[in-house]
Structures are given as C-alpha cells and as structure tokens.
C-alpha atoms as a PDB file:
ATOM      1  CA  MET A   1      29.788 -13.613  16.700  1.00  0.00           C
ATOM      2  CA  GLY A   2      31.215 -10.191  17.451  1.00  0.00           C
ATOM      3  CA  GLN A   3      30.458  -7.308  19.773  1.00  0.00           C
ATOM      4  CA  ILE A   4      29.066  -3.783  19.542  1.00  0.00           C
ATOM      5  CA  ASN A   5      29.653  -0.819  21.818  1.00  0.00           C
ATOM      6  CA  VAL A   6      26.366   0.840  22.772  1.00  0.00           C
ATOM      7  CA  ARG A   7      26.856   3.863  25.029  1.00  0.00           C
ATOM      8  CA  ASP A   8      30.038   2.283  26.478  1.00  0.00           C
ATOM      9  CA  GLU A   9      28.283  -1.036  27.108  1.00  0.00           C
ATOM     10  CA  ILE A  10      29.705  -4.040  25.254  1.00  0.00           C
ATOM     11  CA  ILE A  11      26.956  -6.298  23.875  1.00  0.00           C
ATOM     12  CA  PRO A  12      27.399  -9.560  21.906  1.00  0.00           C
ATOM     13  CA  TYR A  13      26.377  -8.990  18.305  1.00  0.00           C
ATOM     14  CA  GLU A  14      25.484 -11.198  15.336  1.00  0.00           C
ATOM     15  CA  GLU A  15      24.893 -10.188  11.732  1.00  0.00           C
ATOM     16  CA  ARG A  16      23.001 -12.464   9.349  1.00  0.00           C
ATOM     17  CA  ARG A  17      22.518 -11.958   5.622  1.00  0.00           C
ATOM     18  CA  SER A  18      20.404 -13.839   3.119  1.00  0.00           C
ATOM     19  CA  VAL A  19      18.715 -13.310  -0.228  1.00  0.00           C
ATOM     20  CA  ARG A  20      15.537 -14.477   1.542  1.00  0.00           C
ATOM     21  CA  TYR A  21      15.438 -11.382   3.748  1.00  0.00           C
ATOM     22  CA  ARG A  22      13.283  -8.589   2.354  1.00  0.00           C
ATOM     23  CA  ARG A  23      14.255  -5.915   4.877  1.00  0.00           C
ATOM     24  CA  ILE A  24      16.554  -5.212   7.820  1.00  0.00           C
ATOM     25  CA  THR A  25      15.312  -6.531  11.149  1.00  0.00           C
ATOM     26  CA  LEU A  26      16.829  -5.901  14.575  1.00  0.00           C
ATOM     27  CA  SER A  27      16.257  -8.480  17.335  1.00  0.00           C
ATOM     28  CA  ILE A  28      17.233  -8.698  20.990  1.00  0.00           C
ATOM     29  CA  LEU A  29      17.925 -12.350  21.816  1.00  0.00           C
ATOM     30  CA  ASN A  30      18.740 -13.912  25.171  1.00  0.00           C
ATOM     31  CA  ASP A  31      22.481 -13.576  24.692  1.00  0.00           C
ATOM     32  CA  ARG A  32      23.044 -11.160  21.815  1.00  0.00           C
ATOM     33  CA  VAL A  33      21.738  -8.500  19.466  1.00  0.00           C
ATOM     34  CA  ARG A  34      21.027  -9.783  15.979  1.00  0.00           C
ATOM     35  CA  ILE A  35      20.625  -7.925  12.687  1.00  0.00           C
ATOM     36  CA  SER A  36      19.161  -9.821   9.736  1.00  0.00           C
ATOM     37  CA  ALA A  37      19.591  -8.055   6.422  1.00  0.00           C
ATOM     38  CA  PRO A  38      19.358  -8.613   2.642  1.00  0.00           C
ATOM     39  CA  GLN A  39      22.634  -9.217   0.846  1.00  0.00           C
ATOM     40  CA  ASN A  40      22.643  -5.785  -0.829  1.00  0.00           C
ATOM     41  CA  VAL A  41      22.471  -3.753   2.406  1.00  0.00           C
ATOM     42  CA  SER A  42      25.729  -1.921   3.038  1.00  0.00           C
ATOM     43  CA  LYS A  43      27.786  -1.910   6.221  1.00  0.00           C
ATOM     44  CA  ARG A  44      27.147   1.825   6.440  1.00  0.00           C
ATOM     45  CA  GLN A  45      23.364   1.310   6.476  1.00  0.00           C
ATOM     46  CA  ILE A  46      23.657  -1.227   9.273  1.00  0.00           C
ATOM     47  CA  LYS A  47      25.967   1.046  11.262  1.00  0.00           C
ATOM     48  CA  GLU A  48      23.518   3.935  10.891  1.00  0.00           C
ATOM     49  CA  LEU A  49      20.621   1.741  12.034  1.00  0.00           C
ATOM     50  CA  LEU A  50      22.516   0.598  15.127  1.00  0.00           C
ATOM     51  CA  LYS A  51      23.353   4.210  15.960  1.00  0.00           C
ATOM     52  CA  ALA A  52      19.745   5.348  15.530  1.00  0.00           C
ATOM     53  CA  LYS A  53      18.460   2.462  17.673  1.00  0.00           C
ATOM     54  CA  GLU A  54      20.909   2.796  20.584  1.00  0.00           C
ATOM     55  CA  ASP A  55      18.252   3.762  23.141  1.00  0.00           C
ATOM     56  CA  TRP A  56      15.957   0.953  22.005  1.00  0.00           C
ATOM     57  CA  ILE A  57      18.777  -1.606  22.070  1.00  0.00           C
ATOM     58  CA  LEU A  58      19.874  -0.680  25.601  1.00  0.00           C
ATOM     59  CA  LYS A  59      16.332  -0.620  26.959  1.00  0.00           C
ATOM     60  CA  TYR A  60      15.353  -4.068  25.708  1.00  0.00           C
ATOM     61  CA  TRP A  61      18.777  -5.611  26.325  1.00  0.00           C
ATOM     62  CA  HIS A  62      18.485  -4.645  30.004  1.00  0.00           C
ATOM     63  CA  ILE A  63      14.891  -5.920  30.161  1.00  0.00           C
ATOM     64  CA  LYS A  64      15.996  -9.243  28.662  1.00  0.00           C
ATOM     65  CA  ARG A  65      18.886  -9.570  31.110  1.00  0.00           C
ATOM     66  CA  GLN A  66      16.659  -8.802  34.096  1.00  0.00           C
ATOM     67  CA  LYS A  67      14.148 -11.425  33.017  1.00  0.00           C
ATOM     68  CA  GLN A  68      16.920 -13.977  32.684  1.00  0.00           C
ATOM     69  CA  ASP A  69      18.296 -13.129  36.123  1.00  0.00           C
ATOM     70  CA  HIS A  70      14.868 -13.764  37.651  1.00  0.00           C
ATOM     71  CA  SER A  71      14.719 -17.163  35.917  1.00  0.00           C
ATOM     72  CA  VAL A  72      18.062 -18.423  37.232  1.00  0.00           C
ATOM     73  CA  LYS A  73      17.662 -21.248  39.728  1.00  0.00           C
ATOM     74  CA  ASN A  74      19.556 -21.686  42.996  1.00  0.00           C
ATOM     75  CA  PHE A  75      18.500 -25.332  43.457  1.00  0.00           C
ATOM     76  CA  THR A  76      17.344 -24.887  47.016  1.00  0.00           C
ATOM     77  CA  ASP A  77      14.619 -26.734  48.885  1.00  0.00           C
ATOM     78  CA  GLY A  78      11.152 -25.369  48.086  1.00  0.00           C
ATOM     79  CA  GLU A  79      12.196 -23.652  44.852  1.00  0.00           C
ATOM     80  CA  GLN A  80       9.752 -23.995  41.965  1.00  0.00           C
ATOM     81  CA  PHE A  81      10.624 -25.472  38.587  1.00  0.00           C
ATOM     82  CA  PRO A  82       8.507 -25.248  35.418  1.00  0.00           C
ATOM     83  CA  PHE A  83       7.418 -28.523  33.855  1.00  0.00           C
ATOM     84  CA  ARG A  84       4.790 -28.894  31.112  1.00  0.00           C
ATOM     85  CA  GLY A  85       3.255 -25.569  32.065  1.00  0.00           C
ATOM     86  CA  GLU A  86       2.994 -26.391  35.765  1.00  0.00           C
ATOM     87  CA  LYS A  87       5.241 -25.630  38.737  1.00  0.00           C
ATOM     88  CA  LEU A  88       7.045 -28.435  40.548  1.00  0.00           C
ATOM     89  CA  LYS A  89       8.297 -27.722  44.058  1.00  0.00           C
ATOM     90  CA  LEU A  90      11.857 -28.946  44.645  1.00  0.00           C
ATOM     91  CA  CYS A  91      12.100 -31.290  47.613  1.00  0.00           C
ATOM     92  CA  PHE A  92      15.229 -33.013  48.958  1.00  0.00           C
ATOM     93  CA  ARG A  93      15.082 -36.377  50.639  1.00  0.00           C
ATOM     94  CA  SER A  94      17.732 -38.770  51.917  1.00  0.00           C
ATOM     95  CA  HIS A  95      18.025 -42.460  51.052  1.00  0.00           C
ATOM     96  CA  ASP A  96      20.396 -45.356  51.583  1.00  0.00           C
ATOM     97  CA  TYR A  97      21.590 -45.656  47.988  1.00  0.00           C
ATOM     98  CA  ARG A  98      24.846 -44.196  46.691  1.00  0.00           C
ATOM     99  CA  ARG A  99      23.431 -42.538  43.603  1.00  0.00           C
ATOM    100  CA  ILE A 100      21.293 -39.407  43.414  1.00  0.00           C
ATOM    101  CA  ARG A 101      17.795 -40.050  42.102  1.00  0.00           C
ATOM    102  CA  VAL A 102      15.249 -37.617  40.649  1.00  0.00           C
ATOM    103  CA  ASN A 103      11.537 -38.167  40.136  1.00  0.00           C
ATOM    104  CA  SER A 104       8.286 -36.251  40.211  1.00  0.00           C
ATOM    105  CA  ASP A 105       5.322 -36.937  42.466  1.00  0.00           C
ATOM    106  CA  GLY A 106       2.268 -34.776  41.907  1.00  0.00           C
ATOM    107  CA  GLN A 107       3.425 -31.167  42.218  1.00  0.00           C
ATOM    108  CA  MET A 108       6.809 -32.109  43.674  1.00  0.00           C
ATOM    109  CA  LEU A 109      10.203 -32.597  42.057  1.00  0.00           C
ATOM    110  CA  ILE A 110      11.948 -34.963  44.425  1.00  0.00           C
ATOM    111  CA  VAL A 111      15.733 -35.273  44.570  1.00  0.00           C
ATOM    112  CA  SER A 112      16.804 -38.222  46.701  1.00  0.00           C
ATOM    113  CA  LEU A 113      20.376 -37.924  47.988  1.00  0.00           C
ATOM    114  CA  PRO A 114      22.650 -40.308  49.868  1.00  0.00           C
ATOM    115  CA  GLN A 115      22.433 -39.620  53.589  1.00  0.00           C
ATOM    116  CA  ASP A 116      26.082 -38.585  53.854  1.00  0.00           C
ATOM    117  CA  GLY A 117      25.792 -36.204  50.890  1.00  0.00           C
ATOM    118  CA  LEU A 118      22.578 -34.463  51.800  1.00  0.00           C
ATOM    119  CA  ASP A 119      24.275 -31.162  52.650  1.00  0.00           C
ATOM    120  CA  SER A 120      27.318 -31.361  50.405  1.00  0.00           C
ATOM    121  CA  GLN A 121      25.908 -31.185  46.864  1.00  0.00           C
ATOM    122  CA  SER A 122      26.784 -28.067  44.890  1.00  0.00           C
ATOM    123  CA  ALA A 123      24.186 -26.145  42.902  1.00  0.00           C
ATOM    124  CA  GLU A 124      26.047 -27.042  39.697  1.00  0.00           C
ATOM    125  CA  THR A 125      25.903 -30.779  40.476  1.00  0.00           C
ATOM    126  CA  LEU A 126      22.199 -30.559  41.234  1.00  0.00           C
ATOM    127  CA  ARG A 127      21.616 -28.531  38.070  1.00  0.00           C
ATOM    128  CA  LYS A 128      23.246 -31.199  35.891  1.00  0.00           C
ATOM    129  CA  ILE A 129      21.291 -33.998  37.557  1.00  0.00           C
ATOM    130  CA  ILE A 130      17.956 -32.216  37.265  1.00  0.00           C
ATOM    131  CA  ILE A 131      18.625 -31.257  33.644  1.00  0.00           C
ATOM    132  CA  ALA A 132      19.365 -34.917  32.901  1.00  0.00           C
ATOM    133  CA  TRP A 133      15.957 -35.799  34.366  1.00  0.00           C
ATOM    134  CA  TYR A 134      14.290 -33.108  32.248  1.00  0.00           C
ATOM    135  CA  LYS A 135      15.948 -34.480  29.115  1.00  0.00           C
ATOM    136  CA  VAL A 136      14.686 -38.002  29.776  1.00  0.00           C
ATOM    137  CA  GLN A 137      11.140 -36.681  30.218  1.00  0.00           C
ATOM    138  CA  ALA A 138      11.481 -34.560  27.091  1.00  0.00           C
ATOM    139  CA  ARG A 139      12.771 -37.384  24.908  1.00  0.00           C
ATOM    140  CA  ASN A 140       9.963 -39.722  25.926  1.00  0.00           C
ATOM    141  CA  LEU A 141       7.166 -37.156  25.614  1.00  0.00           C
ATOM    142  CA  PHE A 142       8.395 -35.629  22.349  1.00  0.00           C
ATOM    143  CA  LYS A 143       8.681 -39.052  20.701  1.00  0.00           C
ATOM    144  CA  LEU A 144       5.100 -39.918  21.629  1.00  0.00           C
ATOM    145  CA  LYS A 145       3.799 -36.568  20.392  1.00  0.00           C
ATOM    146  CA  LEU A 146       5.883 -36.676  17.201  1.00  0.00           C
ATOM    147  CA  ASP A 147       4.591 -40.114  16.250  1.00  0.00           C
ATOM    148  CA  ASP A 148       1.007 -39.126  17.042  1.00  0.00           C
ATOM    149  CA  GLN A 149       1.116 -35.857  15.086  1.00  0.00           C
ATOM    150  CA  ALA A 150       3.071 -37.364  12.170  1.00  0.00           C
ATOM    151  CA  LYS A 151       0.357 -40.002  11.761  1.00  0.00           C
ATOM    152  CA  ARG A 152      -2.333 -37.310  11.964  1.00  0.00           C
ATOM    153  CA  MET A 153      -0.543 -35.104   9.388  1.00  0.00           C
ATOM    154  CA  GLN A 154       0.316 -38.108   7.195  1.00  0.00           C
ATOM    155  CA  VAL A 155       4.037 -37.384   7.071  1.00  0.00           C
ATOM    156  CA  THR A 156       7.112 -39.419   7.953  1.00  0.00           C
ATOM    157  CA  TYR A 157      10.191 -38.022   9.637  1.00  0.00           C
ATOM    158  CA  ARG A 158      13.537 -39.774   9.375  1.00  0.00           C
ATOM    159  CA  ASP A 159      15.090 -39.180  12.793  1.00  0.00           C
ATOM    160  CA  PHE A 160      14.538 -37.139  15.929  1.00  0.00           C
ATOM    161  CA  ARG A 161      17.223 -35.648  18.149  1.00  0.00           C
ATOM    162  CA  LEU A 162      17.096 -33.728  21.383  1.00  0.00           C
ATOM    163  CA  LYS A 163      19.093 -30.481  21.290  1.00  0.00           C
ATOM    164  CA  ASP A 164      20.388 -28.017  23.865  1.00  0.00           C
ATOM    165  CA  GLN A 165      20.330 -24.660  22.074  1.00  0.00           C
ATOM    166  CA  ARG A 166      19.983 -21.190  23.533  1.00  0.00           C
ATOM    167  CA  THR A 167      17.938 -19.518  20.802  1.00  0.00           C
ATOM    168  CA  ARG A 168      16.355 -22.222  18.600  1.00  0.00           C
ATOM    169  CA  TRP A 169      13.391 -24.327  19.664  1.00  0.00           C
ATOM    170  CA  GLY A 170      13.362 -26.717  16.740  1.00  0.00           C
ATOM    171  CA  SER A 171      14.515 -27.397  13.203  1.00  0.00           C
ATOM    172  CA  CYS A 172      13.848 -29.708  10.273  1.00  0.00           C
ATOM    173  CA  SER A 173      16.431 -30.661   7.676  1.00  0.00           C
ATOM    174  CA  GLY A 174      15.856 -31.349   4.003  1.00  0.00           C
ATOM    175  CA  ARG A 175      16.483 -35.037   4.741  1.00  0.00           C
ATOM    176  CA  GLY A 176      13.594 -35.205   7.187  1.00  0.00           C
ATOM    177  CA  ASN A 177      15.601 -35.098  10.411  1.00  0.00           C
ATOM    178  CA  LEU A 178      13.984 -33.195  13.281  1.00  0.00           C
ATOM    179  CA  ASN A 179      15.644 -31.425  16.210  1.00  0.00           C
ATOM    180  CA  LEU A 180      13.738 -30.264  19.291  1.00  0.00           C
ATOM    181  CA  ASN A 181      15.101 -28.230  22.188  1.00  0.00           C
ATOM    182  CA  TRP A 182      14.701 -30.153  25.460  1.00  0.00           C
ATOM    183  CA  ARG A 183      13.797 -26.936  27.321  1.00  0.00           C
ATOM    184  CA  ILE A 184      10.404 -26.805  25.622  1.00  0.00           C
ATOM    185  CA  ILE A 185       9.355 -29.547  28.093  1.00  0.00           C
ATOM    186  CA  MET A 186       8.959 -26.699  30.600  1.00  0.00           C
ATOM    187  CA  ALA A 187       6.245 -25.052  28.477  1.00  0.00           C
ATOM    188  CA  PRO A 188       2.532 -25.948  28.434  1.00  0.00           C
ATOM    189  CA  ASP A 189       1.620 -29.008  26.387  1.00  0.00           C
ATOM    190  CA  LYS A 190      -0.108 -26.832  23.767  1.00  0.00           C
ATOM    191  CA  VAL A 191       3.193 -25.028  23.141  1.00  0.00           C
ATOM    192  CA  ILE A 192       4.937 -28.383  22.739  1.00  0.00           C
ATOM    193  CA  ASP A 193       2.206 -29.472  20.307  1.00  0.00           C
ATOM    194  CA  TYR A 194       2.609 -26.237  18.332  1.00  0.00           C
ATOM    195  CA  LEU A 195       6.372 -26.693  18.023  1.00  0.00           C
ATOM    196  CA  ILE A 196       5.999 -30.302  16.890  1.00  0.00           C
ATOM    197  CA  ILE A 197       3.297 -29.459  14.329  1.00  0.00           C
ATOM    198  CA  HIS A 198       5.483 -26.560  13.133  1.00  0.00           C
ATOM    199  CA  GLU A 199       8.488 -28.812  12.511  1.00  0.00           C
ATOM    200  CA  LEU A 200       6.421 -31.618  10.951  1.00  0.00           C
ATOM    201  CA  ALA A 201       4.834 -29.051   8.599  1.00  0.00           C
ATOM    202  CA  HIS A 202       8.349 -28.390   7.302  1.00  0.00           C
ATOM    203  CA  LEU A 203       8.361 -31.916   5.888  1.00  0.00           C
ATOM    204  CA  THR A 204       5.829 -30.601   3.372  1.00  0.00           C
ATOM    205  CA  TYR A 205       7.068 -27.001   3.059  1.00  0.00           C
ATOM    206  CA  LEU A 206      10.720 -26.401   3.941  1.00  0.00           C
ATOM    207  CA  ASN A 207      10.121 -22.660   4.312  1.00  0.00           C
ATOM    208  CA  HIS A 208       7.810 -20.198   6.052  1.00  0.00           C
ATOM    209  CA  SER A 209       5.575 -19.479   3.080  1.00  0.00           C
ATOM    210  CA  PRO A 210       1.830 -18.729   3.392  1.00  0.00           C
ATOM    211  CA  GLU A 211       1.234 -22.354   2.405  1.00  0.00           C
ATOM    212  CA  PHE A 212       3.398 -23.512   5.294  1.00  0.00           C
ATOM    213  CA  TRP A 213       1.480 -21.439   7.850  1.00  0.00           C
ATOM    214  CA  GLN A 214      -1.817 -22.599   6.404  1.00  0.00           C
ATOM    215  CA  ARG A 215      -0.736 -26.186   6.946  1.00  0.00           C
ATOM    216  CA  VAL A 216       0.183 -25.412  10.567  1.00  0.00           C
ATOM    217  CA  LYS A 217      -3.223 -23.745  10.999  1.00  0.00           C
ATOM    218  CA  THR A 218      -4.994 -26.772   9.536  1.00  0.00           C
ATOM    219  CA  PHE A 219      -3.693 -28.952  12.347  1.00  0.00           C
ATOM    220  CA  MET A 220      -3.701 -26.274  15.072  1.00  0.00           C
ATOM    221  CA  PRO A 221      -6.190 -23.476  14.309  1.00  0.00           C
ATOM    222  CA  GLU A 222      -5.145 -21.538  17.447  1.00  0.00           C
ATOM    223  CA  TYR A 223      -1.405 -21.824  16.753  1.00  0.00           C
ATOM    224  CA  MET A 224      -0.901 -18.045  16.938  1.00  0.00           C
ATOM    225  CA  THR A 225      -1.819 -18.106  20.637  1.00  0.00           C
ATOM    226  CA  TRP A 226       0.901 -20.612  21.457  1.00  0.00           C
ATOM    227  CA  ARG A 227       3.421 -19.084  19.073  1.00  0.00           C
ATOM    228  CA  LYS A 228       2.965 -15.791  20.937  1.00  0.00           C
ATOM    229  CA  TRP A 229       3.275 -17.589  24.294  1.00  0.00           C
ATOM    230  CA  LEU A 230       6.647 -18.932  23.227  1.00  0.00           C
ATOM    231  CA  LYS A 231       7.786 -15.512  22.052  1.00  0.00           C
ATOM    232  CA  ASP A 232       6.677 -13.867  25.311  1.00  0.00           C
ATOM    233  CA  HIS A 233       7.790 -16.548  27.771  1.00  0.00           C
ATOM    234  CA  GLY A 234      10.575 -18.458  26.038  1.00  0.00           C
ATOM    235  CA  HIS A 235      13.202 -16.609  28.089  1.00  0.00           C
ATOM    236  CA  GLU A 236      11.708 -18.146  31.249  1.00  0.00           C
ATOM    237  CA  LEU A 237      12.442 -21.708  30.111  1.00  0.00           C
ATOM    238  CA  VAL A 238      15.890 -21.906  31.673  1.00  0.00           C
ATOM    239  CA  LEU A 239      17.512 -23.612  34.642  1.00  0.00           C
END
C-alpha cells in the first residue's frame, strides 16, 4: 500500500487491478483510498482520475475520519458499546478475584476488576479484555447461525475462522473455508444473518454473478436493506 498527495495532505492509497473489473472505481475506505481498475487502464488514466477527483476525495476522506473519531471508545464507566444492534452500558465493579472478568447482564456490559486494581487499569488493557469477550460471543453465535443457515441452504462448509480485519466482513475460499469478522457481532442480528447467508451462497457460486445474488435473495428476500445498513454503518463497528 502506498500514499497519494491530495492538496498537500498525505493519504494511504491502494491500487487493485483485475480482468474481472469492467471499469475504474474509486472508493474511500476506513484507512485508505482505493482504486479498482481493469488491467488495460494506464497509469496516466488513473493519475488523471485522481487529479479530477481531488475535491471529492478530500471531502469524503475527512467525513470518514470524523465518523471514526466519534466511534473511538475511551473505556470509561457509563460509556455505551454496540452489541447485536443494541447498546450495552459499560459498568465497572470490584470483586475479590485476581483476574478481570467480563459479562453482560441485560443492557449492561459489566467489567469486574480486582479491588486493588479498580483505578489502575489502562484503556488499552480494558480494550483488549473487552475485545476478547466480544470474540467469544462472536465465535459462539456465528457457529450456531452458520450451522442453522447451512442446513437451511443445503450446503456444507469445511471450516470457520474468526478474523480481525479492517475492511473485509467475510470471505469464502474455493475449499469451502469461511472467515467472518468478529466485529460484525456489534451489528443487528439481521446484518449478521445477511453476512452468513452471503458467504454460504459462495459455496454454490464463488463470484458475485446475478445467480449468486438471486441465491442470497432466495434465503433473505430483504437482503438489500441489511447490505445497505452495513455499507452505511460499518465504520461504527469499532472499539
């Protein structure tokens, strides 16, 4: 991954090429600008596009950064954390054990700390511990939903792994291995269902052809609603 200079602002930049691409597309991701282009597009064409789109790039890059800044957590008492489309209120409690424990109770995300460490935990330590809790919840829920949807769609996946990626929500390999981003546990259950149906549909069509989307629609007629939700709110699913 490289960088581009847009009006004296340095922005991470990625260029992707494939014979599958029909046209040049410009995307603003959470951490970089991406251009996807057919193999026969010249460097000059891409450079001219970037120059012509400077105002657009800066505008939406700043919007994306501002949204991310608002999503960053401080891990303080009373702060709200997204979980399965709901908001859990962070609550600290003390206990007599040596280890930190995390659990949910109704609309509360409870972090139980040793009495002598109640005021000494750093935000980074708390972040790691809470993320670990999220990952456990994600692994358990995703496995249940994968098995249920796979049976419903009459497909068999080989293996399932939890991933921690910044820009991909899921993937399916040609060998039938599925990857799901743990952060999707923060989204509403319907979004989770959409992602799982999407990846399981790749076991039948390892592409994004009209037949693939028809198969997704067969098992989730309203999939476009939740696909759009993920596009609009995916940047909020961060800790």
